[in-house]
């Protein structure tokens, strides 16, 4: 690896950590639901996995939206787990994050754009009413 690429990688990681820090200190409050509605909302997240990097700005944006929606989605960091990276490349066809793996009715599809992922999750949660 060249010196120039090391500098760029360090700068990108540093910027990513700054974004993660600002996300942490400015994170919006999660939607509040009744216990029954929360169970319905969380049930709507079954079969979903978010493939991501911790310090990726678009992944941070997606995780922030998930937090605001008040649900938990299985997050799979492809930098920390080589199997997750391999699964993403094999199943999705490329190593690009964020990527939402959607398993429904025995079929799997992969969604790559943060805005598309967020819209998908918001639409899916419209079935789980807020109180």
C-alpha atoms as a PDB file:
ATOM      1  CA  UNK A   1       0.000   0.000   0.000  1.00  0.00           C
ATOM      2  CA  UNK A   2       1.418   3.369  -0.970  1.00  0.00           C
ATOM      3  CA  UNK A   3       1.937   6.283   1.388  1.00  0.00           C
ATOM      4  CA  UNK A   4      -0.727   8.292  -0.442  1.00  0.00           C
ATOM      5  CA  UNK A   5      -3.345   5.553  -0.046  1.00  0.00           C
ATOM      6  CA  UNK A   6      -2.481   5.212   3.665  1.00  0.00           C
ATOM      7  CA  UNK A   7      -3.019   8.956   4.146  1.00  0.00           C
ATOM      8  CA  UNK A   8      -6.363   8.820   2.302  1.00  0.00           C
ATOM      9  CA  UNK A   9      -7.497   5.789   4.286  1.00  0.00           C
ATOM     10  CA  UNK A  10      -6.541   7.494   7.562  1.00  0.00           C
ATOM     11  CA  UNK A  11      -8.351  10.694   6.593  1.00  0.00           C
ATOM     12  CA  UNK A  12     -11.468   8.772   5.541  1.00  0.00           C
ATOM     13  CA  UNK A  13     -11.496   6.780   8.796  1.00  0.00           C
ATOM     14  CA  UNK A  14     -10.884   9.927  10.857  1.00  0.00           C
ATOM     15  CA  UNK A  15     -13.737  11.751   9.153  1.00  0.00           C
ATOM     16  CA  UNK A  16     -15.959   8.712   9.655  1.00  0.00           C
ATOM     17  CA  UNK A  17     -15.215   8.688  13.388  1.00  0.00           C
ATOM     18  CA  UNK A  18     -16.027  12.401  13.615  1.00  0.00           C
ATOM     19  CA  UNK A  19     -19.375  11.734  11.905  1.00  0.00           C
ATOM     20  CA  UNK A  20     -20.087   8.862  14.305  1.00  0.00           C
ATOM     21  CA  UNK A  21     -19.253  11.111  17.284  1.00  0.00           C
ATOM     22  CA  UNK A  22     -21.578  13.892  16.107  1.00  0.00           C
ATOM     23  CA  UNK A  23     -24.292  11.325  15.457  1.00  0.00           C
ATOM     24  CA  UNK A  24     -23.871  10.055  19.010  1.00  0.00           C
ATOM     25  CA  UNK A  25     -24.148  13.504  20.631  1.00  0.00           C
ATOM     26  CA  UNK A  26     -27.048  14.648  18.437  1.00  0.00           C
ATOM     27  CA  UNK A  27     -29.002  11.400  18.070  1.00  0.00           C
ATOM     28  CA  UNK A  28     -32.763  12.049  17.832  1.00  0.00           C
ATOM     29  CA  UNK A  29     -35.182  10.559  20.310  1.00  0.00           C
ATOM     30  CA  UNK A  30     -36.668   7.221  19.268  1.00  0.00           C
ATOM     31  CA  UNK A  31     -40.368   6.899  18.521  1.00  0.00           C
ATOM     32  CA  UNK A  32     -42.301   5.851  21.618  1.00  0.00           C
ATOM     33  CA  UNK A  33     -44.899   3.099  21.236  1.00  0.00           C
ATOM     34  CA  UNK A  34     -47.051   1.063  23.555  1.00  0.00           C
ATOM     35  CA  UNK A  35     -45.568  -2.305  24.457  1.00  0.00           C
ATOM     36  CA  UNK A  36     -47.905  -4.093  22.041  1.00  0.00           C
ATOM     37  CA  UNK A  37     -47.163  -1.669  19.190  1.00  0.00           C
ATOM     38  CA  UNK A  38     -43.423  -1.970  19.844  1.00  0.00           C
ATOM     39  CA  UNK A  39     -43.685  -5.734  19.599  1.00  0.00           C
ATOM     40  CA  UNK A  40     -45.489  -5.339  16.235  1.00  0.00           C
ATOM     41  CA  UNK A  41     -42.834  -2.881  15.017  1.00  0.00           C
ATOM     42  CA  UNK A  42     -40.013  -5.197  16.012  1.00  0.00           C
ATOM     43  CA  UNK A  43     -41.780  -8.142  14.398  1.00  0.00           C
ATOM     44  CA  UNK A  44     -41.815  -6.133  11.141  1.00  0.00           C
ATOM     45  CA  UNK A  45     -37.992  -6.099  11.304  1.00  0.00           C
ATOM     46  CA  UNK A  46     -37.677  -9.889  11.211  1.00  0.00           C
ATOM     47  CA  UNK A  47     -35.683 -11.137   8.265  1.00  0.00           C
ATOM     48  CA  UNK A  48     -33.736  -7.876   7.895  1.00  0.00           C
ATOM     49  CA  UNK A  49     -29.960  -7.467   8.267  1.00  0.00           C
ATOM     50  CA  UNK A  50     -27.968  -4.282   7.689  1.00  0.00           C
ATOM     51  CA  UNK A  51     -24.508  -4.870   6.221  1.00  0.00           C
ATOM     52  CA  UNK A  52     -22.361  -1.863   7.097  1.00  0.00           C
ATOM     53  CA  UNK A  53     -19.079  -0.280   8.200  1.00  0.00           C
ATOM     54  CA  UNK A  54     -19.058   1.458  11.568  1.00  0.00           C
ATOM     55  CA  UNK A  55     -17.519   4.730  10.342  1.00  0.00           C
ATOM     56  CA  UNK A  56     -19.242   4.953   6.931  1.00  0.00           C
ATOM     57  CA  UNK A  57     -21.267   8.212   6.701  1.00  0.00           C
ATOM     58  CA  UNK A  58     -24.118   6.578   4.756  1.00  0.00           C
ATOM     59  CA  UNK A  59     -24.204   3.681   7.220  1.00  0.00           C
ATOM     60  CA  UNK A  60     -24.326   6.186  10.091  1.00  0.00           C
ATOM     61  CA  UNK A  61     -27.246   7.927   8.372  1.00  0.00           C
ATOM     62  CA  UNK A  62     -29.059   4.589   8.044  1.00  0.00           C
ATOM     63  CA  UNK A  63     -28.367   3.518  11.646  1.00  0.00           C
ATOM     64  CA  UNK A  64     -29.533   6.959  12.829  1.00  0.00           C
ATOM     65  CA  UNK A  65     -32.848   6.499  11.003  1.00  0.00           C
ATOM     66  CA  UNK A  66     -33.245   2.997  12.460  1.00  0.00           C
ATOM     67  CA  UNK A  67     -32.668   4.429  15.951  1.00  0.00           C
ATOM     68  CA  UNK A  68     -35.231   7.176  15.337  1.00  0.00           C
ATOM     69  CA  UNK A  69     -37.741   4.531  14.181  1.00  0.00           C
ATOM     70  CA  UNK A  70     -37.259   2.843  17.564  1.00  0.00           C
ATOM     71  CA  UNK A  71     -36.475  -0.630  16.285  1.00  0.00           C
ATOM     72  CA  UNK A  72     -33.511  -2.970  16.220  1.00  0.00           C
ATOM     73  CA  UNK A  73     -32.133  -4.345  12.957  1.00  0.00           C
ATOM     74  CA  UNK A  74     -29.351  -6.917  12.937  1.00  0.00           C
ATOM     75  CA  UNK A  75     -26.211  -4.893  12.046  1.00  0.00           C
ATOM     76  CA  UNK A  76     -23.371  -6.806  10.394  1.00  0.00           C
ATOM     77  CA  UNK A  77     -20.054  -4.958  10.215  1.00  0.00           C
ATOM     78  CA  UNK A  78     -18.207  -6.299   7.182  1.00  0.00           C
ATOM     79  CA  UNK A  79     -14.876  -4.882   8.366  1.00  0.00           C
ATOM     80  CA  UNK A  80     -15.006  -6.839  11.614  1.00  0.00           C
ATOM     81  CA  UNK A  81     -16.371 -10.106  10.252  1.00  0.00           C
ATOM     82  CA  UNK A  82     -14.995 -11.590   7.044  1.00  0.00           C
ATOM     83  CA  UNK A  83     -17.954 -13.966   6.763  1.00  0.00           C
ATOM     84  CA  UNK A  84     -20.356 -11.000   6.627  1.00  0.00           C
ATOM     85  CA  UNK A  85     -18.213  -9.442   3.887  1.00  0.00           C
ATOM     86  CA  UNK A  86     -18.228 -12.694   1.953  1.00  0.00           C
ATOM     87  CA  UNK A  87     -22.005 -13.076   2.386  1.00  0.00           C
ATOM     88  CA  UNK A  88     -22.539  -9.543   1.082  1.00  0.00           C
ATOM     89  CA  UNK A  89     -20.328 -10.089  -1.943  1.00  0.00           C
ATOM     90  CA  UNK A  90     -21.796 -13.491  -2.767  1.00  0.00           C
ATOM     91  CA  UNK A  91     -25.446 -12.685  -2.066  1.00  0.00           C
ATOM     92  CA  UNK A  92     -25.616  -9.052  -3.092  1.00  0.00           C
ATOM     93  CA  UNK A  93     -23.094  -9.264  -5.903  1.00  0.00           C
ATOM     94  CA  UNK A  94     -20.800  -6.496  -4.658  1.00  0.00           C
ATOM     95  CA  UNK A  95     -19.140  -5.105  -1.555  1.00  0.00           C
ATOM     96  CA  UNK A  96     -20.971  -1.817  -1.041  1.00  0.00           C
ATOM     97  CA  UNK A  97     -22.520  -0.505   2.153  1.00  0.00           C
ATOM     98  CA  UNK A  98     -24.987   0.172   3.552  1.00  0.00           C
ATOM     99  CA  UNK A  99     -26.877  -2.810   2.245  1.00  0.00           C
ATOM    100  CA  UNK A 100     -30.097  -4.200   3.656  1.00  0.00           C
ATOM    101  CA  UNK A 101     -30.603  -7.944   3.259  1.00  0.00           C
ATOM    102  CA  UNK A 102     -34.323  -8.622   3.092  1.00  0.00           C
ATOM    103  CA  UNK A 103     -35.513 -12.197   3.555  1.00  0.00           C
ATOM    104  CA  UNK A 104     -39.234 -12.680   2.956  1.00  0.00           C
ATOM    105  CA  UNK A 105     -41.211 -15.802   2.090  1.00  0.00           C
ATOM    106  CA  UNK A 106     -38.032 -17.789   1.486  1.00  0.00           C
ATOM    107  CA  UNK A 107     -36.615 -15.240  -0.976  1.00  0.00           C
ATOM    108  CA  UNK A 108     -33.691 -12.885  -0.398  1.00  0.00           C
ATOM    109  CA  UNK A 109     -33.119  -9.493  -1.963  1.00  0.00           C
ATOM    110  CA  UNK A 110     -30.455  -6.876  -1.349  1.00  0.00           C
ATOM    111  CA  UNK A 111     -31.034  -3.107  -1.152  1.00  0.00           C
ATOM    112  CA  UNK A 112     -27.977  -0.824  -1.414  1.00  0.00           C
ATOM    113  CA  UNK A 113     -28.918   2.881  -1.172  1.00  0.00           C
ATOM    114  CA  UNK A 114     -29.305   4.515   2.256  1.00  0.00           C
ATOM    115  CA  UNK A 115     -32.316   6.635   1.232  1.00  0.00           C
ATOM    116  CA  UNK A 116     -34.010   3.601  -0.306  1.00  0.00           C
ATOM    117  CA  UNK A 117     -33.306   1.535   2.835  1.00  0.00           C
ATOM    118  CA  UNK A 118     -34.709   4.250   5.105  1.00  0.00           C
ATOM    119  CA  UNK A 119     -37.869   4.632   2.976  1.00  0.00           C
ATOM    120  CA  UNK A 120     -38.324   0.859   2.933  1.00  0.00           C
ATOM    121  CA  UNK A 121     -38.101   0.682   6.743  1.00  0.00           C
ATOM    122  CA  UNK A 122     -40.450   3.648   7.247  1.00  0.00           C
ATOM    123  CA  UNK A 123     -43.023   2.110   4.893  1.00  0.00           C
ATOM    124  CA  UNK A 124     -42.715  -1.266   6.565  1.00  0.00           C
ATOM    125  CA  UNK A 125     -43.346   0.313   9.967  1.00  0.00           C
ATOM    126  CA  UNK A 126     -46.526   2.059   8.863  1.00  0.00           C
ATOM    127  CA  UNK A 127     -48.146  -1.260   9.741  1.00  0.00           C
ATOM    128  CA  UNK A 128     -46.998  -0.803  13.348  1.00  0.00           C
ATOM    129  CA  UNK A 129     -49.005   2.132  14.791  1.00  0.00           C
ATOM    130  CA  UNK A 130     -47.534   4.722  17.162  1.00  0.00           C
ATOM    131  CA  UNK A 131     -49.139   5.740  20.435  1.00  0.00           C
END
